[in-house]
Amino acid sequence: MRSVRLAALVAAGCLVWGTASMTAGQVPGERVAPQGDESPFFRVFLKDGSSLVSYGELARLSDRIVFSMPTTSSPVEPQLHLVTLSSDRVDWERTNRYADAARATRYIAIRAEQDYALLTDEVAQALNDVSQAPNAAGRLAVVERARKTLAEWPARHYNYKQNEVRQMLGTLDEAIADLRAAAGLSRFDLNFVAATEAPDYREPLMPHPSPREAIEQTLLAARLTESSVERVSLLTTVLGSLDREAAALESKWAAATKVATQSAIASEMTVDRLYQTLTQRYVAYAETRAKRGDVRGVQNILAQIPIEDRTLGGRRPEAVASLVAAVQDQLDAAQRMRLARDRWLLKSEEYKKYGAAVTPQLQKLQGLKPALEDIKALSGSTPLALSQIQSSSDQILRAVTAIIAPEDLRAAHALVISAAQLADSAARIRREAALSGSIDRAWDASSAAAGALMLVTRAAAEIDAMMKPPVPIR
């Protein structure tokens, strides 16, 4: 009976341990995340054995990693620079192991004792709660659940108090055995014997970099990044750090580093200018050839780009990628232009036949322009002028409707028909206005005349454009 009472008491304490140490909203089995105002310092280990400090955790984006790297030695208010590196350079096993150790250290420093203290505050109440179990089987169920929670606790709390937890687990195992015997159960479930294997956080944490080390890791990041913009920014940051930390640096090393960094920046700027010139020259070449529909010419430019890039040392992959994309756009434009011209050549005879048939009718419509301008301006129209407009419009309509327009010219052909119809309407309405003396009808005639003039001009332009080979839109 004494061992049963002991089991109930210890079980109550363990139950509180497993619940009180969780923050509100925490999912059972989820590792406790460190909280606090300060961001932990991590390390990005590279395959060559070197490392870079990361302020906060890195982000992995496809084949790249992005992280904030402190460029100063101050752990309190470090100056940060965003760094992007290829993920292939990273020693992921060591980087992840170090991150776990950093999280564990920070958790133990800012949260672990608080969680442990919370346990002791709740134990007394838990003891009373367990005593309300109606029988030995009920107490056994409570104790077994508590043991499971306790066994999983170290892995979720970065191994904090794991030795104490192991001792409590041993006591609980004895208590569970007594409770099972009291409940008439002879077999002991081995699932309650083995505690969850806790992860190892023994990767040693490295000290915060000194002023010189902070500068050296910034130079290392500049060498590793593939972005020229980022590289120049990092090198410029190094120059600022050398001036700011001059008192803490060995003068000879600082002077040599400053000269080397200035030389590197100058070299980067020179390379930038070379690639800018390359881009401007080749894009101009490609645009000229695309306007002519010279597909082969643009393809030759694309083939030449890698050769030029190798000549320059292949030092601006992002600039070359942008250049290739721009020339590819021009290749697409050249191919479209070539297709449009081939299409025009195949249909040019059809266009010429249509032009020969419709041009005389367009010229007749254009010949009505003076009389239509008079109607539009309400400047006076003689009966003869109105009769000529109606007679000519009727003749044009009969002729144009008999012409079969190519598919590409049907819209323009419809404009010719509409222009003739509006010209006839303008003359007819103007006659009505003169007979009735209605100024409103005179304005209606003006609108019809304006429409006829506009449609004639538009139809003539569209038909004329189709008579010529396609040209690029500027």
Protein backbone atom coordinates (compact mmCIF):
# COMPACT_ATOMS: atom_id res chain seq x y z
CA MET A 1 0.00 0.00 0.00
CA ARG A 2 2.88 2.37 0.72
CA SER A 3 4.38 1.86 -2.75
CA VAL A 4 0.99 2.53 -4.30
CA ARG A 5 0.68 5.78 -2.41
CA LEU A 6 4.22 6.73 -3.44
CA ALA A 7 3.43 5.96 -7.06
CA ALA A 8 0.37 8.18 -6.93
CA LEU A 9 2.34 11.06 -5.41
CA VAL A 10 5.23 10.81 -7.86
CA ALA A 11 2.85 10.38 -10.76
CA ALA A 12 1.08 13.56 -9.78
CA GLY A 13 4.36 15.44 -9.74
CA CYS A 14 5.34 14.03 -13.13
CA LEU A 15 1.98 14.93 -14.61
CA VAL A 16 2.50 18.50 -13.56
CA TRP A 17 6.06 18.39 -14.95
CA GLY A 18 4.76 17.33 -18.32
CA THR A 19 2.01 19.95 -18.55
CA ALA A 20 3.19 22.96 -16.60
CA SER A 21 6.41 23.24 -18.60
CA MET A 22 4.41 23.74 -21.81
CA THR A 23 3.45 27.24 -22.76
CA ALA A 24 -0.11 28.06 -23.70
CA GLY A 25 -0.97 26.72 -27.14
CA GLN A 26 2.04 24.39 -27.33
CA VAL A 27 1.42 21.12 -29.14
CA PRO A 28 2.45 18.01 -27.17
CA GLY A 29 5.57 16.54 -28.71
CA GLU A 30 6.61 19.87 -30.21
CA ARG A 31 10.04 21.16 -29.23
CA VAL A 32 9.95 24.30 -27.12
CA ALA A 33 11.20 27.27 -29.16
CA PRO A 34 13.46 29.79 -27.46
CA GLN A 35 11.89 33.15 -26.82
CA GLY A 36 13.40 36.50 -26.01
CA ASP A 37 14.34 39.83 -27.46
CA GLU A 38 17.82 38.89 -28.64
CA SER A 39 18.37 36.84 -31.79
CA PRO A 40 20.80 33.92 -31.35
CA PHE A 41 23.99 33.72 -33.33
CA PHE A 42 24.29 30.69 -35.57
CA ARG A 43 27.06 29.47 -37.85
CA VAL A 44 26.96 28.50 -41.51
CA PHE A 45 29.71 25.89 -41.93
CA LEU A 46 31.18 25.48 -45.39
CA LYS A 47 32.56 22.32 -46.91
CA ASP A 48 36.11 23.71 -46.78
CA GLY A 49 35.87 23.93 -42.98
CA SER A 50 35.39 27.70 -42.74
CA SER A 51 32.25 29.26 -41.33
CA LEU A 52 30.21 32.46 -41.39
CA VAL A 53 28.19 33.87 -38.51
CA SER A 54 24.45 34.14 -39.07
CA TYR A 55 22.33 36.49 -36.99
CA GLY A 56 19.19 34.41 -36.65
CA GLU A 57 18.48 31.32 -38.70
CA LEU A 58 19.22 31.05 -42.39
CA ALA A 59 16.55 30.61 -45.07
CA ARG A 60 16.96 27.98 -47.77
CA LEU A 61 15.50 28.95 -51.14
CA SER A 62 15.86 26.28 -53.81
CA ASP A 63 19.62 26.08 -54.52
CA ARG A 64 20.48 29.19 -52.47
CA ILE A 65 20.69 30.12 -48.82
CA VAL A 66 20.04 33.60 -47.47
CA PHE A 67 21.03 34.86 -44.04
CA SER A 68 21.90 38.04 -42.15
CA MET A 69 25.60 38.16 -41.39
CA PRO A 70 26.99 40.51 -38.73
CA THR A 71 29.83 42.58 -40.18
CA THR A 72 30.91 44.00 -36.82
CA SER A 73 32.16 42.39 -33.64
CA SER A 74 29.46 43.88 -31.40
CA PRO A 75 27.10 41.13 -30.13
CA VAL A 76 24.62 43.70 -28.85
CA GLU A 77 23.86 45.89 -31.88
CA PRO A 78 25.68 44.26 -34.80
CA GLN A 79 25.57 45.76 -38.25
CA LEU A 80 24.01 43.19 -40.55
CA HIS A 81 24.42 42.41 -44.22
CA LEU A 82 22.22 40.05 -46.22
CA VAL A 83 24.30 37.30 -47.81
CA THR A 84 23.27 34.86 -50.53
CA LEU A 85 25.30 31.72 -51.18
CA SER A 86 24.94 28.51 -53.14
CA SER A 87 23.59 25.76 -50.89
CA ASP A 88 26.12 23.35 -52.43
CA ARG A 89 28.88 25.09 -50.46
CA VAL A 90 27.28 24.34 -47.08
CA ASP A 91 28.24 21.51 -44.72
CA TRP A 92 24.63 20.86 -43.75
CA GLU A 93 25.30 18.19 -41.11
CA ARG A 94 27.55 20.41 -39.03
CA THR A 95 25.48 23.55 -39.69
CA ASN A 96 22.31 21.84 -38.45
CA ARG A 97 24.10 20.34 -35.46
CA TYR A 98 25.47 23.74 -34.48
CA ALA A 99 22.01 25.30 -34.87
CA ASP A 100 20.56 22.72 -32.47
CA ALA A 101 23.32 23.46 -29.96
CA ALA A 102 22.73 27.22 -30.26
CA ARG A 103 18.99 26.81 -29.76
CA ALA A 104 19.56 24.55 -26.75
CA THR A 105 22.03 26.96 -25.15
CA ARG A 106 19.70 29.90 -25.63
CA TYR A 107 16.69 28.00 -24.33
CA ILE A 108 18.54 26.91 -21.20
CA ALA A 109 19.69 30.48 -20.66
CA ILE A 110 16.33 32.22 -20.98
CA ARG A 111 13.52 29.70 -20.49
CA ALA A 112 14.52 26.40 -18.97
CA GLU A 113 14.70 27.46 -15.32
CA GLN A 114 11.40 29.25 -15.63
CA ASP A 115 9.78 26.05 -16.92
CA TYR A 116 11.35 24.06 -14.13
CA ALA A 117 10.16 26.52 -11.51
CA LEU A 118 6.67 26.35 -12.93
CA LEU A 119 6.71 22.61 -12.28
CA THR A 120 7.39 22.98 -8.57
CA ASP A 121 4.60 25.55 -8.20
CA GLU A 122 2.02 23.10 -9.57
CA VAL A 123 3.05 19.89 -7.82
CA ALA A 124 0.98 20.41 -4.68
CA GLN A 125 -2.26 20.89 -6.61
CA ALA A 126 -1.49 17.87 -8.82
CA LEU A 127 -1.09 15.63 -5.78
CA ASN A 128 -4.63 16.44 -4.73
CA ASP A 129 -5.95 15.84 -8.25
CA VAL A 130 -4.43 12.33 -8.52
CA SER A 131 -5.91 11.30 -5.18
CA GLN A 132 -9.37 11.62 -6.74
CA ALA A 133 -8.79 8.60 -9.02
CA PRO A 134 -11.55 6.07 -8.10
CA ASN A 135 -9.43 2.89 -8.12
CA ALA A 136 -6.02 1.35 -8.77
CA ALA A 137 -6.72 0.96 -12.48
CA GLY A 138 -7.56 4.66 -12.76
CA ARG A 139 -4.43 5.68 -10.86
CA LEU A 140 -2.37 3.37 -13.11
CA ALA A 141 -3.71 5.07 -16.23
CA VAL A 142 -2.82 8.50 -14.84
CA VAL A 143 0.69 7.39 -13.91
CA GLU A 144 1.32 5.73 -17.28
CA ARG A 145 0.25 8.86 -19.14
CA ALA A 146 2.45 10.95 -16.89
CA ARG A 147 5.41 8.67 -17.49
CA LYS A 148 5.00 8.91 -21.25
CA THR A 149 4.92 12.70 -21.07
CA LEU A 150 7.95 12.74 -18.78
CA ALA A 151 9.92 10.36 -21.03
CA GLU A 152 9.37 12.64 -24.03
CA TRP A 153 10.10 15.87 -22.14
CA PRO A 154 13.93 16.04 -22.50
CA ALA A 155 13.87 15.74 -26.28
CA ARG A 156 11.39 18.64 -26.45
CA HIS A 157 13.30 20.77 -23.95
CA TYR A 158 16.87 20.45 -25.20
CA ASN A 159 17.86 17.79 -22.58
CA TYR A 160 17.34 20.18 -19.68
CA LYS A 161 17.34 18.31 -16.31
CA GLN A 162 17.60 15.01 -18.18
CA ASN A 163 19.43 13.31 -15.30
CA GLU A 164 16.68 14.30 -12.87
CA VAL A 165 14.10 13.09 -15.37
CA ARG A 166 15.84 9.71 -15.66
CA GLN A 167 15.76 9.35 -11.87
CA MET A 168 12.07 10.16 -11.79
CA LEU A 169 11.44 7.69 -14.60
CA GLY A 170 13.10 4.97 -12.56
CA THR A 171 10.90 5.75 -9.58
CA LEU A 172 7.83 5.83 -11.79
CA ASP A 173 8.67 2.44 -13.31
CA GLU A 174 8.69 0.92 -9.81
CA ALA A 175 5.44 2.65 -8.95
CA ILE A 176 3.81 1.46 -12.18
CA ALA A 177 4.86 -2.10 -11.40
CA ASP A 178 3.19 -1.88 -7.96
CA LEU A 179 0.04 -0.32 -9.43
CA ARG A 180 -0.24 -3.01 -12.09
CA ALA A 181 0.08 -5.68 -9.42
CA ALA A 182 -2.63 -3.96 -7.37
CA ALA A 183 -4.85 -3.84 -10.46
CA GLY A 184 -4.32 -7.57 -11.11
CA LEU A 185 -2.14 -7.07 -14.18
CA SER A 186 0.92 -9.31 -14.46
CA ARG A 187 2.51 -8.20 -17.78
CA PHE A 188 4.53 -4.96 -17.80
CA ASP A 189 4.28 -2.94 -21.02
CA LEU A 190 7.82 -2.34 -22.28
CA ASN A 191 6.62 0.74 -24.17
CA PHE A 192 6.73 2.53 -20.82
CA VAL A 193 10.25 1.40 -19.96
CA ALA A 194 12.28 3.03 -22.77
CA ALA A 195 12.47 6.81 -22.64
CA THR A 196 12.59 8.80 -25.87
CA GLU A 197 16.17 9.07 -27.09
CA ALA A 198 17.20 12.69 -26.61
CA PRO A 199 19.13 14.41 -29.42
CA ASP A 200 22.77 15.28 -28.88
CA TYR A 201 23.59 19.00 -28.61
CA ARG A 202 27.29 18.62 -27.95
CA GLU A 203 28.51 20.63 -30.96
CA PRO A 204 30.73 23.24 -29.26
CA LEU A 205 29.63 26.82 -29.72
CA MET A 206 32.21 29.20 -31.10
CA PRO A 207 33.01 32.58 -29.57
CA HIS A 208 31.75 35.75 -31.16
CA PRO A 209 34.19 36.99 -33.83
CA SER A 210 36.77 39.62 -32.98
CA PRO A 211 36.93 42.81 -35.08
CA ARG A 212 39.52 41.22 -37.35
CA GLU A 213 37.56 37.97 -37.65
CA ALA A 214 34.38 39.92 -38.50
CA ILE A 215 36.25 41.65 -41.33
CA GLU A 216 37.79 38.39 -42.55
CA GLN A 217 34.41 36.64 -42.67
CA THR A 218 32.96 39.59 -44.61
CA LEU A 219 35.78 39.21 -47.12
CA LEU A 220 35.09 35.47 -47.27
CA ALA A 221 31.40 36.10 -47.98
CA ALA A 222 32.38 38.55 -50.73
CA ARG A 223 34.53 35.88 -52.38
CA LEU A 224 31.79 33.26 -52.19
CA THR A 225 28.73 35.19 -53.35
CA GLU A 226 27.84 35.01 -57.03
CA SER A 227 26.16 38.43 -57.08
CA SER A 228 28.49 41.24 -58.14
CA VAL A 229 26.23 43.81 -56.49
CA GLU A 230 26.38 41.94 -53.22
CA ARG A 231 30.13 41.45 -53.55
CA VAL A 232 30.82 45.17 -54.02
CA SER A 233 28.49 45.98 -51.14
CA LEU A 234 30.36 43.56 -48.84
CA LEU A 235 33.75 44.93 -49.91
CA THR A 236 32.56 48.48 -49.27
CA THR A 237 31.40 47.36 -45.83
CA VAL A 238 34.91 46.03 -45.17
CA LEU A 239 36.41 49.46 -45.91
CA GLY A 240 34.04 51.04 -43.40
CA SER A 241 34.90 48.40 -40.78
CA LEU A 242 38.64 48.93 -41.29
CA ASP A 243 38.25 52.64 -40.57
CA ARG A 244 35.84 52.17 -37.67
CA GLU A 245 37.85 49.41 -35.95
CA ALA A 246 41.29 50.88 -36.66
CA ALA A 247 42.21 51.08 -32.96
CA ALA A 248 41.49 47.36 -32.43
CA LEU A 249 43.33 46.14 -35.54
CA GLU A 250 46.99 45.47 -36.21
CA SER A 251 48.00 48.44 -38.36
CA LYS A 252 50.09 46.55 -40.91
CA TRP A 253 47.36 43.98 -41.53
CA ALA A 254 44.68 46.67 -41.72
CA ALA A 255 46.68 48.72 -44.24
CA ALA A 256 47.34 45.71 -46.48
CA THR A 257 43.70 44.61 -46.26
CA LYS A 258 42.50 48.09 -47.15
CA VAL A 259 44.70 48.25 -50.25
CA ALA A 260 43.60 44.78 -51.36
CA THR A 261 39.93 45.62 -50.79
CA GLN A 262 40.14 48.90 -52.70
CA SER A 263 41.84 47.06 -55.55
CA ALA A 264 39.11 44.41 -55.52
CA ILE A 265 36.38 47.06 -55.68
CA ALA A 266 38.12 48.80 -58.58
CA SER A 267 38.41 45.47 -60.38
CA GLU A 268 34.73 44.75 -59.84
CA MET A 269 33.77 48.15 -61.21
CA THR A 270 35.93 47.60 -64.28
CA VAL A 271 34.32 44.23 -64.91
CA ASP A 272 30.88 45.79 -64.47
CA ARG A 273 31.65 48.37 -67.15
CA LEU A 274 32.92 45.69 -69.53
CA TYR A 275 29.75 43.64 -69.14
CA GLN A 276 27.56 46.73 -69.46
CA THR A 277 29.27 47.59 -72.73
CA LEU A 278 28.87 43.99 -73.90
CA THR A 279 25.17 44.07 -73.05
CA GLN A 280 24.50 47.39 -74.76
CA ARG A 281 26.37 46.38 -77.91
CA TYR A 282 24.76 42.96 -78.32
CA VAL A 283 21.24 44.13 -77.51
CA ALA A 284 21.60 46.88 -80.14
CA TYR A 285 22.85 44.33 -82.68
CA ALA A 286 19.96 42.00 -81.88
CA GLU A 287 17.34 44.76 -82.17
CA THR A 288 18.66 45.80 -85.59
CA ARG A 289 18.59 42.25 -86.90
CA ALA A 290 15.17 41.53 -85.39
CA LYS A 291 13.68 44.52 -87.24
CA ARG A 292 14.94 43.04 -90.48
CA GLY A 293 13.59 39.61 -89.59
CA ASP A 294 17.17 38.30 -89.61
CA VAL A 295 16.67 35.18 -87.50
CA ARG A 296 20.10 33.73 -88.29
CA GLY A 297 21.76 36.98 -87.35
CA VAL A 298 20.14 37.01 -83.91
CA GLN A 299 21.01 33.33 -83.41
CA ASN A 300 24.64 34.11 -84.19
CA ILE A 301 24.61 36.79 -81.51
CA LEU A 302 23.30 34.27 -78.97
CA ALA A 303 26.11 31.89 -79.93
CA GLN A 304 28.69 34.65 -79.52
CA ILE A 305 27.66 35.64 -75.99
CA PRO A 306 29.25 32.63 -74.19
CA ILE A 307 32.48 33.22 -76.11
CA GLU A 308 32.61 36.86 -75.03
CA ASP A 309 31.75 35.83 -71.46
CA ARG A 310 34.65 33.38 -71.34
CA THR A 311 36.96 36.09 -72.66
CA LEU A 312 35.92 38.28 -69.73
CA GLY A 313 36.47 35.45 -67.27
CA GLY A 314 32.84 34.43 -66.76
CA ARG A 315 32.59 36.88 -63.84
CA ARG A 316 29.02 38.11 -64.23
CA PRO A 317 26.64 35.14 -64.60
CA GLU A 318 23.65 37.28 -63.66
CA ALA A 319 24.51 39.90 -66.30
CA VAL A 320 24.99 37.21 -68.94
CA ALA A 321 21.68 35.58 -68.01
CA SER A 322 19.93 38.93 -68.39
CA LEU A 323 21.66 39.57 -71.73
CA VAL A 324 20.70 36.13 -73.06
CA ALA A 325 17.08 36.73 -72.03
CA ALA A 326 17.05 40.09 -73.83
CA VAL A 327 18.51 38.61 -77.02
CA GLN A 328 16.07 35.70 -76.81
CA ASP A 329 13.26 38.27 -76.83
CA GLN A 330 14.73 39.77 -79.99
CA LEU A 331 15.03 36.30 -81.52
CA ASP A 332 11.33 35.79 -80.88
CA ALA A 333 10.61 39.18 -82.48
CA ALA A 334 12.75 38.27 -85.52
CA GLN A 335 10.96 34.96 -85.94
CA ARG A 336 7.57 36.66 -85.75
CA MET A 337 8.68 39.28 -88.28
CA ARG A 338 9.99 36.58 -90.61
CA LEU A 339 6.70 34.70 -90.35
CA ALA A 340 4.68 37.85 -91.07
CA ARG A 341 6.80 38.63 -94.13
CA ASP A 342 6.55 35.09 -95.46
CA ARG A 343 2.79 35.26 -95.02
CA TRP A 344 2.66 38.57 -96.86
CA LEU A 345 4.71 37.18 -99.73
CA LEU A 346 2.34 34.26 -100.11
CA LYS A 347 -0.65 36.61 -100.19
CA SER A 348 0.86 39.58 -101.99
CA GLU A 349 -0.69 38.73 -105.37
CA GLU A 350 -4.11 38.53 -103.78
CA TYR A 351 -3.53 41.87 -102.08
CA LYS A 352 -2.45 43.47 -105.37
CA LYS A 353 -5.59 42.27 -107.17
CA TYR A 354 -7.77 43.64 -104.41
CA GLY A 355 -5.88 46.94 -104.40
CA ALA A 356 -6.34 47.34 -108.12
CA ALA A 357 -10.09 46.79 -107.76
CA VAL A 358 -10.76 48.97 -104.71
CA THR A 359 -8.37 51.87 -105.33
CA PRO A 360 -10.53 53.59 -108.00
CA GLN A 361 -13.50 53.55 -105.63
CA LEU A 362 -11.38 54.97 -102.79
CA GLN A 363 -10.22 57.74 -105.11
CA LYS A 364 -13.85 58.56 -105.95
CA LEU A 365 -14.66 58.76 -102.23
CA GLN A 366 -11.64 60.98 -101.66
CA GLY A 367 -12.86 63.17 -104.53
CA LEU A 368 -16.03 63.88 -102.51
CA LYS A 369 -13.96 65.40 -99.70
CA PRO A 370 -14.53 69.13 -100.59
CA ALA A 371 -18.30 68.68 -100.77
CA LEU A 372 -18.35 66.66 -97.54
CA GLU A 373 -16.22 69.30 -95.81
CA ASP A 374 -18.89 71.88 -96.74
CA ILE A 375 -21.60 69.76 -95.17
CA LYS A 376 -19.45 69.18 -92.09
CA ALA A 377 -18.81 72.92 -91.65
CA LEU A 378 -22.42 73.90 -92.45
CA SER A 379 -20.91 76.33 -94.95
CA GLY A 380 -23.52 75.71 -97.64
CA SER A 381 -24.12 72.95 -100.21
CA THR A 382 -25.63 73.46 -103.68
CA PRO A 383 -28.28 71.08 -105.03
CA LEU A 384 -25.76 69.97 -107.65
CA ALA A 385 -23.14 69.13 -105.04
CA LEU A 386 -25.62 67.11 -103.01
CA SER A 387 -26.77 65.22 -106.10
CA GLN A 388 -23.18 64.44 -107.07
CA ILE A 389 -22.47 63.06 -103.59
CA GLN A 390 -25.51 60.80 -103.68
CA SER A 391 -24.88 59.65 -107.24
CA SER A 392 -21.21 58.90 -106.62
CA SER A 393 -21.94 57.15 -103.31
CA ASP A 394 -24.48 54.92 -105.03
CA GLN A 395 -22.01 53.97 -107.77
CA ILE A 396 -19.23 53.33 -105.21
CA LEU A 397 -21.47 51.14 -103.08
CA ARG A 398 -22.49 48.97 -106.05
CA ALA A 399 -18.88 48.59 -107.15
CA VAL A 400 -17.42 47.92 -103.69
CA THR A 401 -20.03 45.39 -102.64
CA ALA A 402 -19.17 43.38 -105.75
CA ILE A 403 -15.51 43.15 -104.74
CA ILE A 404 -14.46 40.12 -102.63
CA ALA A 405 -11.86 41.28 -100.12
CA PRO A 406 -9.08 39.00 -98.79
CA GLU A 407 -9.64 37.88 -95.21
CA ASP A 408 -6.97 40.24 -93.87
CA LEU A 409 -8.64 43.21 -95.59
CA ARG A 410 -12.27 42.56 -94.77
CA ALA A 411 -12.29 45.06 -91.92
CA ALA A 412 -10.79 47.77 -94.12
CA HIS A 413 -13.22 46.87 -96.90
CA ALA A 414 -16.13 47.30 -94.47
CA LEU A 415 -14.83 50.81 -93.70
CA VAL A 416 -15.04 51.71 -97.40
CA ILE A 417 -18.66 50.57 -97.53
CA SER A 418 -19.51 52.46 -94.33
CA ALA A 419 -17.81 55.61 -95.65
CA ALA A 420 -19.92 55.52 -98.84
CA GLN A 421 -23.10 54.96 -96.85
CA LEU A 422 -22.32 57.88 -94.52
CA ALA A 423 -21.52 60.14 -97.47
CA ASP A 424 -24.92 59.36 -98.98
CA SER A 425 -26.62 59.94 -95.61
CA ALA A 426 -24.82 63.26 -95.18
CA ALA A 427 -26.09 64.54 -98.55
CA ARG A 428 -29.64 63.28 -97.98
CA ILE A 429 -29.92 64.75 -94.46
CA ARG A 430 -28.42 68.05 -95.61
CA ARG A 431 -31.10 68.25 -98.32
CA GLU A 432 -33.81 67.62 -95.69
CA ALA A 433 -32.34 70.29 -93.42
CA ALA A 434 -32.30 72.84 -96.23
CA LEU A 435 -35.90 72.10 -97.20
CA SER A 436 -37.17 72.24 -93.58
CA GLY A 437 -34.83 74.95 -92.33
CA SER A 438 -33.90 72.72 -89.37
CA ILE A 439 -30.50 73.54 -87.84
CA ASP A 440 -30.63 70.31 -85.82
CA ARG A 441 -30.87 68.24 -89.02
CA ALA A 442 -28.04 70.31 -90.48
CA TRP A 443 -25.86 69.25 -87.55
CA ASP A 444 -26.92 65.62 -88.09
CA ALA A 445 -25.69 65.93 -91.67
CA SER A 446 -22.43 67.44 -90.39
CA SER A 447 -21.86 64.42 -88.13
CA ALA A 448 -22.49 62.01 -91.00
CA ALA A 449 -20.07 63.91 -93.24
CA ALA A 450 -17.40 63.90 -90.50
CA GLY A 451 -17.82 60.15 -90.11
CA ALA A 452 -17.52 59.57 -93.85
CA LEU A 453 -14.33 61.63 -94.05
CA MET A 454 -12.78 59.82 -91.08
CA LEU A 455 -13.61 56.34 -92.43
CA VAL A 456 -12.26 57.11 -95.89
CA THR A 457 -8.92 58.22 -94.40
CA ARG A 458 -8.71 55.17 -92.12
CA ALA A 459 -9.67 52.69 -94.87
CA ALA A 460 -7.10 54.15 -97.27
CA ALA A 461 -4.34 53.89 -94.62
CA GLU A 462 -5.14 50.28 -93.71
CA ILE A 463 -5.36 49.13 -97.32
CA ASP A 464 -2.12 50.95 -98.19
CA ALA A 465 -0.36 49.27 -95.26
CA MET A 466 -1.38 45.81 -96.49
CA MET A 467 0.08 46.55 -99.91
CA LYS A 468 3.58 46.73 -98.35
CA PRO A 469 5.71 44.11 -96.55
CA PRO A 470 5.35 44.11 -92.74
CA VAL A 471 7.63 46.44 -90.79
CA PRO A 472 8.37 46.31 -87.05
CA ILE A 473 6.30 48.48 -84.73
CA ARG A 474 8.51 51.18 -83.26
